[in-house]
Amino acid sequence: MGLKEKTFEVLDHTADLGILVNGADLKSLFQNAAHAMLQIMMDFQPEQTGIIRNISVEASDLPDLMVHWLGEILYFFEGEGQWVIETKIHDITSVHLDAQIETIPFSSIMQEHLTEIKAVTYHQIEVLHDNAGAWKARIIFDL
C-alpha cells in the first residue's frame, strides 16, 4: 500500500480501537481510512497480484459512507475470505463511492499476523472538512 507519510493516528478507546485519518481531499481521506484499517488488521503486506474488483457503496451522508466503505472491505475478508491488498477510489460524493479493489485469498500464514476487527462502528464517527481545506475522519472499530 506504500503510504509515504503517516495519514492516521491510533486513538486509545476502551474495548475498541479508534483512528484519526487525514486526507488532502475526500478521495484520499477514504483511501487512507481503508489503508489504515488494513494496516491495523495485518502488520505485513503480502507481495502478490490479486483479482481486481469494482465496487459501489451508497449511503445517506459522509459518515455513513465511511462506515459502509470500510464495512465493504471488511466483508471481503470476513464473508469471502479475501484480503484487500489495494484500493483505488474512482469517484466519490457525499452519498456514493465507486472504487476498485484488489484482493487475494486469505492464507493460514497471514492468520499469524492478524488483529481481527469485528465491525466498523457509528460510535463517535466524524468526517470533517477543515478551514485549511484538508479532510479528517474519526473512526472507531469494534475489536
N, C-alpha and C. Protein backbone atom coordinates (compact mmCIF):
# COMPACT_ATOMS: atom_id res chain seq x y z
N MET A 1 0.82 -1.18 0.00
CA MET A 1 0.00 0.00 0.00
C MET A 1 0.86 1.24 0.00
N GLY A 2 2.08 1.15 0.38
CA GLY A 2 3.11 2.15 0.18
C GLY A 2 2.77 3.58 0.52
N LEU A 3 2.20 3.85 1.67
CA LEU A 3 1.97 5.23 2.04
C LEU A 3 3.28 5.87 2.45
N LYS A 4 3.57 7.05 1.93
CA LYS A 4 4.84 7.72 2.18
C LYS A 4 4.82 8.53 3.47
N GLU A 5 3.65 8.96 3.87
CA GLU A 5 3.56 9.76 5.09
C GLU A 5 2.49 9.15 5.98
N LYS A 6 2.58 9.46 7.25
CA LYS A 6 1.60 8.93 8.19
C LYS A 6 0.29 9.68 8.00
N THR A 7 -0.74 8.95 7.62
CA THR A 7 -2.02 9.57 7.34
C THR A 7 -3.08 9.20 8.37
N PHE A 8 -2.65 8.54 9.46
CA PHE A 8 -3.61 8.22 10.51
C PHE A 8 -2.90 8.14 11.85
N GLU A 9 -3.69 8.25 12.93
CA GLU A 9 -3.19 8.16 14.31
C GLU A 9 -4.12 7.23 15.06
N VAL A 10 -3.58 6.32 15.85
CA VAL A 10 -4.39 5.39 16.64
C VAL A 10 -4.85 6.09 17.91
N LEU A 11 -6.14 5.96 18.22
CA LEU A 11 -6.73 6.55 19.41
C LEU A 11 -6.93 5.48 20.47
N ASP A 12 -6.65 5.78 21.72
CA ASP A 12 -6.90 4.87 22.82
C ASP A 12 -8.38 4.94 23.15
N HIS A 13 -9.07 3.81 23.07
CA HIS A 13 -10.51 3.79 23.29
C HIS A 13 -10.86 2.48 23.99
N THR A 14 -11.62 2.55 25.07
CA THR A 14 -11.97 1.38 25.87
C THR A 14 -12.67 0.31 25.03
N ALA A 15 -12.10 -0.91 25.03
CA ALA A 15 -12.66 -2.11 24.40
C ALA A 15 -12.74 -2.03 22.88
N ASP A 16 -12.35 -0.93 22.31
CA ASP A 16 -12.38 -0.76 20.87
C ASP A 16 -11.07 -0.10 20.44
N LEU A 17 -10.95 0.17 19.17
CA LEU A 17 -9.78 0.86 18.65
C LEU A 17 -10.26 1.99 17.75
N GLY A 18 -9.73 3.18 17.97
CA GLY A 18 -10.12 4.32 17.15
C GLY A 18 -8.94 4.85 16.36
N ILE A 19 -9.25 5.48 15.23
CA ILE A 19 -8.21 6.12 14.43
C ILE A 19 -8.67 7.51 14.01
N LEU A 20 -7.71 8.40 13.86
CA LEU A 20 -7.91 9.70 13.22
C LEU A 20 -7.20 9.62 11.89
N VAL A 21 -7.92 9.92 10.81
CA VAL A 21 -7.36 9.80 9.46
C VAL A 21 -7.36 11.17 8.82
N ASN A 22 -6.32 11.46 8.04
CA ASN A 22 -6.19 12.72 7.30
C ASN A 22 -6.18 12.46 5.81
N GLY A 23 -6.62 13.46 5.06
CA GLY A 23 -6.55 13.39 3.61
C GLY A 23 -6.58 14.78 3.01
N ALA A 24 -5.87 14.96 1.92
CA ALA A 24 -5.84 16.25 1.24
C ALA A 24 -7.17 16.54 0.57
N ASP A 25 -7.87 15.48 0.17
CA ASP A 25 -9.19 15.61 -0.45
C ASP A 25 -10.03 14.42 -0.01
N LEU A 26 -11.28 14.39 -0.44
CA LEU A 26 -12.21 13.35 0.01
C LEU A 26 -11.77 11.96 -0.45
N LYS A 27 -11.30 11.85 -1.69
CA LYS A 27 -10.82 10.55 -2.19
C LYS A 27 -9.67 10.03 -1.33
N SER A 28 -8.69 10.88 -1.07
CA SER A 28 -7.54 10.41 -0.30
C SER A 28 -7.93 10.10 1.14
N LEU A 29 -8.88 10.83 1.71
CA LEU A 29 -9.35 10.53 3.07
C LEU A 29 -9.92 9.12 3.14
N PHE A 30 -10.80 8.78 2.21
CA PHE A 30 -11.43 7.46 2.22
C PHE A 30 -10.41 6.36 1.90
N GLN A 31 -9.51 6.64 0.99
CA GLN A 31 -8.48 5.66 0.67
C GLN A 31 -7.53 5.47 1.86
N ASN A 32 -7.14 6.56 2.52
CA ASN A 32 -6.27 6.47 3.69
C ASN A 32 -6.96 5.72 4.84
N ALA A 33 -8.26 5.90 4.99
CA ALA A 33 -9.00 5.18 6.03
C ALA A 33 -8.96 3.68 5.77
N ALA A 34 -9.14 3.29 4.51
CA ALA A 34 -9.06 1.86 4.16
C ALA A 34 -7.66 1.32 4.44
N HIS A 35 -6.64 2.06 4.03
CA HIS A 35 -5.26 1.62 4.27
C HIS A 35 -4.97 1.51 5.76
N ALA A 36 -5.46 2.47 6.55
CA ALA A 36 -5.25 2.44 8.00
C ALA A 36 -5.87 1.19 8.61
N MET A 37 -7.13 0.90 8.25
CA MET A 37 -7.80 -0.27 8.79
C MET A 37 -7.04 -1.55 8.42
N LEU A 38 -6.61 -1.65 7.17
CA LEU A 38 -5.89 -2.84 6.73
C LEU A 38 -4.53 -2.97 7.41
N GLN A 39 -3.85 -1.84 7.63
CA GLN A 39 -2.56 -1.88 8.33
C GLN A 39 -2.72 -2.29 9.78
N ILE A 40 -3.81 -1.86 10.41
CA ILE A 40 -4.08 -2.25 11.79
C ILE A 40 -4.39 -3.74 11.86
N MET A 41 -5.15 -4.25 10.90
CA MET A 41 -5.53 -5.65 10.89
C MET A 41 -4.34 -6.58 10.64
N MET A 42 -3.42 -6.17 9.78
CA MET A 42 -2.29 -7.03 9.45
C MET A 42 -1.01 -6.22 9.40
N ASP A 43 0.00 -6.69 10.12
CA ASP A 43 1.24 -5.93 10.24
C ASP A 43 2.26 -6.19 9.13
N PHE A 44 1.85 -6.89 8.08
CA PHE A 44 2.71 -7.03 6.92
C PHE A 44 1.84 -7.09 5.68
N GLN A 45 2.42 -6.78 4.55
CA GLN A 45 1.67 -6.75 3.30
C GLN A 45 2.16 -7.86 2.38
N PRO A 46 1.32 -8.83 2.05
CA PRO A 46 1.72 -9.89 1.13
C PRO A 46 2.09 -9.32 -0.24
N GLU A 47 3.11 -9.87 -0.85
CA GLU A 47 3.55 -9.44 -2.19
C GLU A 47 2.97 -10.40 -3.21
N GLN A 48 1.76 -10.14 -3.64
CA GLN A 48 1.08 -10.98 -4.62
C GLN A 48 0.26 -10.09 -5.54
N THR A 49 -0.05 -10.63 -6.70
CA THR A 49 -1.02 -9.98 -7.58
C THR A 49 -2.37 -10.63 -7.32
N GLY A 50 -3.40 -9.81 -7.25
CA GLY A 50 -4.71 -10.34 -6.92
C GLY A 50 -5.74 -10.14 -8.01
N ILE A 51 -6.98 -10.30 -7.62
CA ILE A 51 -8.13 -10.14 -8.51
C ILE A 51 -8.65 -8.71 -8.34
N ILE A 52 -8.86 -8.03 -9.47
CA ILE A 52 -9.41 -6.67 -9.45
C ILE A 52 -10.93 -6.75 -9.42
N ARG A 53 -11.54 -6.00 -8.52
CA ARG A 53 -13.00 -5.96 -8.40
C ARG A 53 -13.45 -4.51 -8.34
N ASN A 54 -14.55 -4.22 -9.00
CA ASN A 54 -15.17 -2.89 -8.94
C ASN A 54 -16.30 -2.94 -7.93
N ILE A 55 -16.35 -1.95 -7.04
CA ILE A 55 -17.43 -1.90 -6.06
C ILE A 55 -18.03 -0.50 -6.01
N SER A 56 -19.30 -0.45 -5.64
CA SER A 56 -20.01 0.81 -5.42
C SER A 56 -20.63 0.75 -4.03
N VAL A 57 -20.60 1.88 -3.35
CA VAL A 57 -21.15 1.97 -2.00
C VAL A 57 -22.10 3.17 -1.96
N GLU A 58 -23.28 2.96 -1.39
CA GLU A 58 -24.28 4.01 -1.24
C GLU A 58 -24.50 4.28 0.25
N ALA A 59 -24.83 5.52 0.59
CA ALA A 59 -25.06 5.88 1.99
C ALA A 59 -25.92 7.14 2.07
N SER A 60 -26.27 7.52 3.30
CA SER A 60 -27.12 8.70 3.49
C SER A 60 -26.33 9.99 3.65
N ASP A 61 -25.05 9.89 4.08
CA ASP A 61 -24.19 11.06 4.26
C ASP A 61 -22.74 10.59 4.34
N LEU A 62 -21.81 11.52 4.53
CA LEU A 62 -20.39 11.15 4.55
C LEU A 62 -20.00 10.19 5.68
N PRO A 63 -20.43 10.43 6.93
CA PRO A 63 -20.08 9.45 7.97
C PRO A 63 -20.63 8.06 7.66
N ASP A 64 -21.85 7.99 7.17
CA ASP A 64 -22.46 6.72 6.80
C ASP A 64 -21.69 6.08 5.64
N LEU A 65 -21.25 6.89 4.69
CA LEU A 65 -20.47 6.39 3.56
C LEU A 65 -19.15 5.79 4.05
N MET A 66 -18.51 6.43 5.01
CA MET A 66 -17.25 5.91 5.56
C MET A 66 -17.47 4.54 6.20
N VAL A 67 -18.52 4.43 7.02
CA VAL A 67 -18.81 3.15 7.69
C VAL A 67 -19.10 2.07 6.65
N HIS A 68 -19.89 2.41 5.64
CA HIS A 68 -20.24 1.42 4.61
C HIS A 68 -19.01 1.02 3.77
N TRP A 69 -18.16 1.99 3.42
CA TRP A 69 -16.94 1.73 2.64
C TRP A 69 -16.02 0.76 3.38
N LEU A 70 -15.73 1.08 4.64
CA LEU A 70 -14.85 0.21 5.42
C LEU A 70 -15.52 -1.13 5.71
N GLY A 71 -16.82 -1.10 5.92
CA GLY A 71 -17.56 -2.35 6.13
C GLY A 71 -17.53 -3.25 4.91
N GLU A 72 -17.56 -2.66 3.73
CA GLU A 72 -17.48 -3.44 2.49
C GLU A 72 -16.12 -4.14 2.39
N ILE A 73 -15.06 -3.43 2.73
CA ILE A 73 -13.71 -4.03 2.71
C ILE A 73 -13.63 -5.15 3.75
N LEU A 74 -14.19 -4.91 4.92
CA LEU A 74 -14.21 -5.93 5.97
C LEU A 74 -15.02 -7.16 5.52
N TYR A 75 -16.10 -6.94 4.77
CA TYR A 75 -16.91 -8.05 4.26
C TYR A 75 -16.10 -8.98 3.37
N PHE A 76 -15.26 -8.42 2.50
CA PHE A 76 -14.46 -9.27 1.62
C PHE A 76 -13.59 -10.21 2.44
N PHE A 77 -13.08 -9.74 3.56
CA PHE A 77 -12.28 -10.59 4.44
C PHE A 77 -13.16 -11.61 5.17
N GLU A 78 -14.17 -11.12 5.88
CA GLU A 78 -14.99 -11.99 6.72
C GLU A 78 -15.92 -12.89 5.91
N GLY A 79 -16.53 -12.34 4.88
CA GLY A 79 -17.55 -13.08 4.12
C GLY A 79 -17.01 -13.92 2.98
N GLU A 80 -15.90 -13.48 2.38
CA GLU A 80 -15.39 -14.18 1.20
C GLU A 80 -13.98 -14.73 1.37
N GLY A 81 -13.36 -14.49 2.54
CA GLY A 81 -12.01 -15.00 2.76
C GLY A 81 -10.97 -14.37 1.85
N GLN A 82 -11.24 -13.12 1.45
CA GLN A 82 -10.33 -12.40 0.56
C GLN A 82 -9.71 -11.23 1.30
N TRP A 83 -8.41 -11.05 1.14
CA TRP A 83 -7.69 -9.94 1.76
C TRP A 83 -7.52 -8.84 0.72
N VAL A 84 -7.90 -7.63 1.07
CA VAL A 84 -7.77 -6.49 0.16
C VAL A 84 -6.33 -5.99 0.24
N ILE A 85 -5.63 -6.00 -0.91
CA ILE A 85 -4.23 -5.55 -0.92
C ILE A 85 -4.08 -4.16 -1.53
N GLU A 86 -5.12 -3.67 -2.19
CA GLU A 86 -5.03 -2.32 -2.77
C GLU A 86 -6.43 -1.76 -2.97
N THR A 87 -6.56 -0.45 -2.82
CA THR A 87 -7.82 0.23 -3.09
C THR A 87 -7.54 1.45 -3.96
N LYS A 88 -8.49 1.76 -4.82
CA LYS A 88 -8.40 2.98 -5.63
C LYS A 88 -9.81 3.52 -5.80
N ILE A 89 -10.04 4.71 -5.29
CA ILE A 89 -11.35 5.33 -5.41
C ILE A 89 -11.39 6.12 -6.71
N HIS A 90 -12.40 5.82 -7.52
CA HIS A 90 -12.54 6.49 -8.81
C HIS A 90 -13.45 7.71 -8.73
N ASP A 91 -14.52 7.59 -7.96
CA ASP A 91 -15.50 8.68 -7.88
C ASP A 91 -16.11 8.67 -6.48
N ILE A 92 -16.31 9.87 -5.93
CA ILE A 92 -16.91 9.94 -4.60
C ILE A 92 -17.73 11.22 -4.48
N THR A 93 -18.92 11.08 -3.88
CA THR A 93 -19.76 12.22 -3.50
C THR A 93 -20.07 12.03 -2.01
N SER A 94 -20.95 12.85 -1.48
CA SER A 94 -21.30 12.71 -0.06
C SER A 94 -22.15 11.47 0.23
N VAL A 95 -22.69 10.82 -0.82
CA VAL A 95 -23.56 9.67 -0.61
C VAL A 95 -23.22 8.46 -1.48
N HIS A 96 -22.16 8.54 -2.29
CA HIS A 96 -21.84 7.45 -3.22
C HIS A 96 -20.34 7.37 -3.45
N LEU A 97 -19.86 6.15 -3.60
CA LEU A 97 -18.44 5.91 -3.84
C LEU A 97 -18.30 4.78 -4.86
N ASP A 98 -17.47 4.99 -5.88
CA ASP A 98 -17.09 3.94 -6.83
C ASP A 98 -15.61 3.70 -6.67
N ALA A 99 -15.23 2.45 -6.49
CA ALA A 99 -13.83 2.13 -6.25
C ALA A 99 -13.46 0.82 -6.92
N GLN A 100 -12.16 0.61 -6.97
CA GLN A 100 -11.60 -0.64 -7.45
C GLN A 100 -10.74 -1.19 -6.31
N ILE A 101 -10.92 -2.46 -6.01
CA ILE A 101 -10.08 -3.09 -5.00
C ILE A 101 -9.39 -4.30 -5.62
N GLU A 102 -8.25 -4.64 -5.05
CA GLU A 102 -7.52 -5.84 -5.48
C GLU A 102 -7.48 -6.77 -4.28
N THR A 103 -7.89 -8.04 -4.48
CA THR A 103 -7.96 -9.00 -3.38
C THR A 103 -7.15 -10.25 -3.69
N ILE A 104 -6.70 -10.90 -2.61
CA ILE A 104 -6.05 -12.20 -2.70
C ILE A 104 -6.69 -13.12 -1.66
N PRO A 105 -6.64 -14.44 -1.85
CA PRO A 105 -7.17 -15.35 -0.84
C PRO A 105 -6.40 -15.21 0.47
N PHE A 106 -7.14 -15.20 1.58
CA PHE A 106 -6.52 -15.13 2.90
C PHE A 106 -5.92 -16.49 3.22
N SER A 107 -4.68 -16.51 3.73
CA SER A 107 -3.99 -17.78 3.98
C SER A 107 -3.70 -17.97 5.47
N SER A 108 -3.35 -19.21 5.84
CA SER A 108 -3.02 -19.51 7.23
C SER A 108 -1.76 -18.77 7.68
N ILE A 109 -0.84 -18.50 6.77
CA ILE A 109 0.36 -17.73 7.11
C ILE A 109 -0.03 -16.32 7.52
N MET A 110 -1.00 -15.75 6.81
CA MET A 110 -1.46 -14.40 7.12
C MET A 110 -2.15 -14.36 8.49
N GLN A 111 -2.79 -15.47 8.89
CA GLN A 111 -3.53 -15.54 10.15
C GLN A 111 -2.64 -15.19 11.34
N GLU A 112 -1.35 -15.56 11.26
CA GLU A 112 -0.41 -15.29 12.35
C GLU A 112 -0.20 -13.80 12.59
N HIS A 113 -0.49 -12.98 11.60
CA HIS A 113 -0.24 -11.54 11.68
C HIS A 113 -1.52 -10.73 11.85
N LEU A 114 -2.64 -11.40 12.08
CA LEU A 114 -3.94 -10.75 12.04
C LEU A 114 -4.37 -10.19 13.40
N THR A 115 -4.87 -8.95 13.40
CA THR A 115 -5.62 -8.38 14.50
C THR A 115 -7.04 -8.22 13.96
N GLU A 116 -7.96 -8.99 14.50
CA GLU A 116 -9.31 -9.01 13.93
C GLU A 116 -10.11 -7.78 14.32
N ILE A 117 -10.72 -7.16 13.33
CA ILE A 117 -11.70 -6.09 13.54
C ILE A 117 -13.06 -6.71 13.27
N LYS A 118 -13.94 -6.66 14.28
CA LYS A 118 -15.26 -7.27 14.13
C LYS A 118 -16.22 -6.38 13.35
N ALA A 119 -16.10 -5.05 13.56
CA ALA A 119 -17.04 -4.15 12.90
C ALA A 119 -16.50 -2.72 12.89
N VAL A 120 -16.98 -1.97 11.92
CA VAL A 120 -16.78 -0.52 11.86
C VAL A 120 -18.01 0.07 12.53
N THR A 121 -17.83 0.92 13.53
CA THR A 121 -18.98 1.41 14.30
C THR A 121 -19.35 2.84 13.92
N TYR A 122 -20.55 3.22 14.33
CA TYR A 122 -21.01 4.61 14.17
C TYR A 122 -20.65 5.45 15.40
N HIS A 123 -20.11 4.80 16.42
CA HIS A 123 -19.77 5.49 17.67
C HIS A 123 -18.73 6.58 17.40
N GLN A 124 -19.07 7.82 17.67
CA GLN A 124 -18.19 8.99 17.52
C GLN A 124 -17.66 9.17 16.10
N ILE A 125 -18.33 8.62 15.09
CA ILE A 125 -17.86 8.77 13.71
C ILE A 125 -17.94 10.24 13.30
N GLU A 126 -16.88 10.70 12.66
CA GLU A 126 -16.83 12.06 12.13
C GLU A 126 -16.09 12.06 10.81
N VAL A 127 -16.61 12.82 9.86
CA VAL A 127 -15.91 13.11 8.61
C VAL A 127 -16.03 14.62 8.42
N LEU A 128 -14.90 15.33 8.52
CA LEU A 128 -14.92 16.80 8.55
C LEU A 128 -13.97 17.40 7.53
N HIS A 129 -14.37 18.55 7.01
CA HIS A 129 -13.55 19.36 6.11
C HIS A 129 -13.15 20.60 6.90
N ASP A 130 -11.84 20.78 7.15
CA ASP A 130 -11.42 21.90 8.00
C ASP A 130 -11.21 23.19 7.20
N ASN A 131 -10.95 24.29 7.92
CA ASN A 131 -10.79 25.61 7.29
C ASN A 131 -9.60 25.69 6.35
N ALA A 132 -8.61 24.84 6.55
CA ALA A 132 -7.41 24.83 5.69
C ALA A 132 -7.63 24.02 4.42
N GLY A 133 -8.80 23.39 4.30
CA GLY A 133 -9.11 22.63 3.10
C GLY A 133 -8.83 21.15 3.19
N ALA A 134 -8.28 20.70 4.31
CA ALA A 134 -7.98 19.27 4.49
C ALA A 134 -9.20 18.53 5.03
N TRP A 135 -9.20 17.23 4.85
CA TRP A 135 -10.26 16.37 5.35
C TRP A 135 -9.73 15.53 6.51
N LYS A 136 -10.60 15.29 7.50
CA LYS A 136 -10.25 14.48 8.66
C LYS A 136 -11.42 13.57 9.00
N ALA A 137 -11.10 12.40 9.54
CA ALA A 137 -12.15 11.48 9.98
C ALA A 137 -11.72 10.82 11.27
N ARG A 138 -12.72 10.56 12.12
CA ARG A 138 -12.52 9.74 13.32
C ARG A 138 -13.39 8.51 13.15
N ILE A 139 -12.77 7.34 13.33
CA ILE A 139 -13.46 6.07 13.13
C ILE A 139 -13.12 5.16 14.30
N ILE A 140 -14.15 4.49 14.85
CA ILE A 140 -13.95 3.55 15.95
C ILE A 140 -14.30 2.15 15.44
N PHE A 141 -13.40 1.20 15.70
CA PHE A 141 -13.60 -0.20 15.31
C PHE A 141 -13.89 -1.04 16.55
N ASP A 142 -14.81 -1.98 16.40
CA ASP A 142 -15.10 -2.96 17.45
C ASP A 142 -14.14 -4.13 17.26
N LEU A 143 -13.32 -4.38 18.27
CA LEU A 143 -12.36 -5.49 18.20
C LEU A 143 -12.94 -6.69 18.84
